[in-house]
């Protein structure tokens, strides 16, 4: 009987259960601490909950797994909320004072303005970055093309990727035509005959 593999599987299952229990315990403990702090610092909780509403809304609407837009909006939203918190702690720091502050408009200009600025950054910065990268690649291609032209001028058509050696099995006339066509710097356009008859033909 193979007891070793069975025991190893059971041990791994027990370890997974312990890890899940530890994660659940940590989550419950953090939730309890946050609820306790929210109750003790109720005025601050009310102000932060109202000021950070754009971040919560962005988190709900952001379908990106990395949550980059939420991070951008949340960082600037929190930066704009700090002056409102300082004003709360300096003047009232009570629940009626927090409600009175929420009823006024001036503390939220920075908070909501910061959230709007963070949202603009997530819209504008990717476009600017993409345009910059495209221009850099176009400049690199132009430099490569200039370098390629210099190599063609110095070494001939053998350095051209589109050039191939003429087939020696072709007849001499076809070989001369092929070599002439490949060595021409520009495609040769045959001249069309004039519509008017020549004097010799009259």
Protein backbone atom coordinates (compact mmCIF):
# COMPACT_ATOMS: atom_id res chain seq x y z
CA UNK A 1 0.00 0.00 0.00
CA UNK A 2 1.19 3.49 -0.88
CA UNK A 3 0.72 5.31 2.39
CA UNK A 4 3.22 8.10 1.69
CA UNK A 5 1.39 9.88 -1.15
CA UNK A 6 -1.95 9.64 0.69
CA UNK A 7 -0.45 11.19 3.82
CA UNK A 8 1.17 13.95 1.79
CA UNK A 9 -2.14 14.80 0.12
CA UNK A 10 -3.95 14.88 3.45
CA UNK A 11 -1.20 17.09 4.93
CA UNK A 12 -1.48 19.54 2.03
CA UNK A 13 -5.26 19.68 2.49
CA UNK A 14 -4.82 20.40 6.18
CA UNK A 15 -2.33 23.17 5.36
CA UNK A 16 -4.78 24.72 2.90
CA UNK A 17 -7.52 24.67 5.52
CA UNK A 18 -5.24 26.30 8.06
CA UNK A 19 -4.30 29.03 5.60
CA UNK A 20 -7.95 29.70 4.78
CA UNK A 21 -8.80 29.90 8.47
CA UNK A 22 -5.90 32.28 9.06
CA UNK A 23 -7.01 34.51 6.17
CA UNK A 24 -10.58 34.53 7.44
CA UNK A 25 -9.41 35.35 10.97
CA UNK A 26 -7.24 38.21 9.72
CA UNK A 27 -10.11 39.57 7.59
CA UNK A 28 -12.53 39.42 10.51
CA UNK A 29 -10.00 41.05 12.84
CA UNK A 30 -9.35 43.91 10.38
CA UNK A 31 -13.08 44.43 9.93
CA UNK A 32 -13.61 44.58 13.71
CA UNK A 33 -10.78 47.10 14.12
CA UNK A 34 -12.14 49.27 11.30
CA UNK A 35 -15.65 49.24 12.75
CA UNK A 36 -14.26 50.13 16.18
CA UNK A 37 -12.24 53.03 14.77
CA UNK A 38 -15.21 54.20 12.73
CA UNK A 39 -17.37 54.33 15.86
CA UNK A 40 -14.73 56.00 18.02
CA UNK A 41 -13.83 58.58 15.36
CA UNK A 42 -17.35 59.01 14.03
CA UNK A 43 -16.95 62.65 12.85
CA UNK A 44 -13.84 61.76 10.85
CA UNK A 45 -15.59 58.69 9.47
CA UNK A 46 -18.53 60.77 8.24
CA UNK A 47 -16.30 63.32 6.54
CA UNK A 48 -14.07 60.70 4.93
CA UNK A 49 -17.04 58.65 3.75
CA UNK A 50 -18.59 61.68 2.08
CA UNK A 51 -15.32 63.01 0.63
CA UNK A 52 -14.16 59.64 -0.71
CA UNK A 53 -17.44 58.84 -2.45
CA UNK A 54 -15.88 59.35 -5.94
CA UNK A 55 -13.24 56.75 -5.12
CA UNK A 56 -15.85 54.23 -4.02
CA UNK A 57 -17.86 54.87 -7.18
CA UNK A 58 -14.75 54.49 -9.33
CA UNK A 59 -13.89 51.22 -7.59
CA UNK A 60 -17.35 49.85 -8.37
CA UNK A 61 -17.23 50.93 -12.04
CA UNK A 62 -13.58 50.05 -12.69
CA UNK A 63 -13.53 46.68 -14.45
CA UNK A 64 -9.73 46.60 -14.80
CA UNK A 65 -8.21 43.88 -12.57
CA UNK A 66 -5.24 46.13 -11.73
CA UNK A 67 -7.56 48.98 -10.62
CA UNK A 68 -5.19 51.65 -11.93
CA UNK A 69 -7.97 54.19 -12.38
CA UNK A 70 -9.18 53.57 -8.83
CA UNK A 71 -5.65 54.09 -7.48
CA UNK A 72 -5.21 57.34 -9.39
CA UNK A 73 -8.59 58.74 -8.40
CA UNK A 74 -8.25 57.53 -4.82
CA UNK A 75 -4.79 59.05 -4.29
CA UNK A 76 -5.76 62.54 -5.47
CA UNK A 77 -9.17 62.28 -3.82
CA UNK A 78 -7.50 61.50 -0.48
CA UNK A 79 -5.03 64.36 -0.96
CA UNK A 80 -7.95 66.73 -1.47
CA UNK A 81 -9.73 65.34 1.61
CA UNK A 82 -6.87 66.10 4.02
CA UNK A 83 -7.58 69.88 4.25
CA UNK A 84 -11.21 69.14 5.13
CA UNK A 85 -10.06 66.79 7.89
CA UNK A 86 -7.70 69.44 9.27
CA UNK A 87 -10.55 71.93 9.33
CA UNK A 88 -12.79 69.41 11.09
CA UNK A 89 -10.21 68.61 13.75
CA UNK A 90 -9.39 72.27 14.33
CA UNK A 91 -12.95 73.61 14.61
CA UNK A 92 -15.45 70.95 15.68
CA UNK A 93 -14.46 67.28 15.68
CA UNK A 94 -18.02 66.39 16.64
CA UNK A 95 -20.82 64.67 14.77
CA UNK A 96 -22.92 67.89 14.48
CA UNK A 97 -19.79 69.70 13.29
CA UNK A 98 -19.14 67.01 10.68
CA UNK A 99 -22.74 67.25 9.47
CA UNK A 100 -22.42 71.03 9.27
CA UNK A 101 -19.21 70.68 7.29
CA UNK A 102 -20.83 68.22 4.91
CA UNK A 103 -23.63 70.73 4.34
CA UNK A 104 -21.15 73.38 3.18
CA UNK A 105 -19.59 73.27 -0.27
CA UNK A 106 -16.15 74.85 0.07
CA UNK A 107 -14.32 71.92 1.79
CA UNK A 108 -15.25 69.55 -1.03
CA UNK A 109 -13.82 71.55 -3.89
CA UNK A 110 -10.37 70.12 -3.30
CA UNK A 111 -11.63 66.60 -2.58
CA UNK A 112 -13.89 66.29 -5.59
CA UNK A 113 -11.49 68.33 -7.73
CA UNK A 114 -8.69 65.93 -6.84
CA UNK A 115 -10.88 62.97 -7.82
CA UNK A 116 -11.67 64.64 -11.15
CA UNK A 117 -7.96 65.35 -11.74
CA UNK A 118 -7.14 61.70 -11.06
CA UNK A 119 -9.77 60.61 -13.55
CA UNK A 120 -8.35 63.00 -16.15
CA UNK A 121 -4.89 61.57 -15.60
CA UNK A 122 -6.14 58.06 -16.36
CA UNK A 123 -7.64 59.36 -19.63
CA UNK A 124 -4.92 61.73 -20.83
CA UNK A 125 -1.70 60.03 -19.74
CA UNK A 126 -2.23 56.78 -21.73
CA UNK A 127 -2.97 58.79 -24.88
CA UNK A 128 0.10 60.98 -24.44
CA UNK A 129 2.27 57.95 -23.70
CA UNK A 130 1.01 56.12 -26.78
CA UNK A 131 1.64 59.16 -29.01
CA UNK A 132 5.14 59.53 -27.60
CA UNK A 133 5.97 55.87 -28.22
CA UNK A 134 4.60 56.04 -31.78
CA UNK A 135 6.66 59.14 -32.57
CA UNK A 136 9.77 57.52 -31.14
CA UNK A 137 9.26 54.46 -33.33
CA UNK A 138 8.65 56.62 -36.40
CA UNK A 139 11.86 58.53 -35.72
CA UNK A 140 13.74 55.25 -35.35
CA UNK A 141 12.32 54.02 -38.65
CA UNK A 142 13.33 57.25 -40.39
CA UNK A 143 16.87 56.92 -39.04
CA UNK A 144 17.06 53.31 -40.19
CA UNK A 145 15.80 54.27 -43.64
CA UNK A 146 18.41 57.04 -43.92
CA UNK A 147 21.12 54.63 -42.82
CA UNK A 148 19.86 52.08 -45.33
CA UNK A 149 19.98 54.66 -48.10
CA UNK A 150 23.55 55.57 -47.17
CA UNK A 151 24.50 51.89 -47.32
CA UNK A 152 22.85 51.53 -50.73
CA UNK A 153 24.76 54.56 -52.00
CA UNK A 154 28.03 53.21 -50.65
CA UNK A 155 27.72 49.48 -51.39
CA UNK A 156 25.17 49.23 -54.15
CA UNK A 157 21.99 47.28 -54.41
CA UNK A 158 23.47 44.17 -52.77
CA UNK A 159 22.59 45.61 -49.36
CA UNK A 160 18.95 46.11 -50.38
CA UNK A 161 16.74 43.39 -48.83
CA UNK A 162 14.55 43.42 -51.93
CA UNK A 163 17.46 42.81 -54.29
CA UNK A 164 18.35 39.34 -55.50
CA UNK A 165 21.06 38.21 -57.83
CA UNK A 166 19.94 37.66 -61.43
CA UNK A 167 19.34 34.10 -62.52
CA UNK A 168 22.32 33.02 -64.70
CA UNK A 169 20.10 30.48 -66.50
CA UNK A 170 18.18 33.30 -68.18
CA UNK A 171 19.10 34.34 -71.74
CA UNK A 172 21.51 37.21 -72.15
CA UNK A 173 18.81 39.64 -73.31
CA UNK A 174 16.50 38.82 -70.38
CA UNK A 175 19.46 38.92 -68.01
CA UNK A 176 20.41 42.41 -69.23
CA UNK A 177 16.81 43.61 -68.84
CA UNK A 178 16.55 42.20 -65.33
CA UNK A 179 19.86 43.70 -64.20
CA UNK A 180 18.93 47.07 -65.71
CA UNK A 181 15.54 47.04 -64.00
CA UNK A 182 17.08 46.17 -60.62
CA UNK A 183 19.84 48.75 -60.87
CA UNK A 184 17.49 51.58 -61.81
CA UNK A 185 16.98 54.00 -58.87
CA UNK A 186 13.40 54.68 -59.88
CA UNK A 187 10.94 52.55 -61.82
CA UNK A 188 11.20 53.25 -65.51
CA UNK A 189 7.93 54.38 -67.07
CA UNK A 190 7.70 53.83 -70.78
CA UNK A 191 6.99 56.98 -72.74
CA UNK A 192 3.72 56.93 -74.63
CA UNK A 193 3.65 57.84 -78.32
CA UNK A 194 2.32 61.24 -79.28
CA UNK A 195 -1.22 61.38 -80.57
CA UNK A 196 -0.18 63.65 -83.46
CA UNK A 197 1.33 61.94 -86.53
CA UNK A 198 4.94 62.71 -87.40
CA UNK A 199 5.75 64.64 -90.55
CA UNK A 200 7.52 61.60 -92.06
CA UNK A 201 4.31 59.58 -91.87
CA UNK A 202 2.34 62.09 -93.88
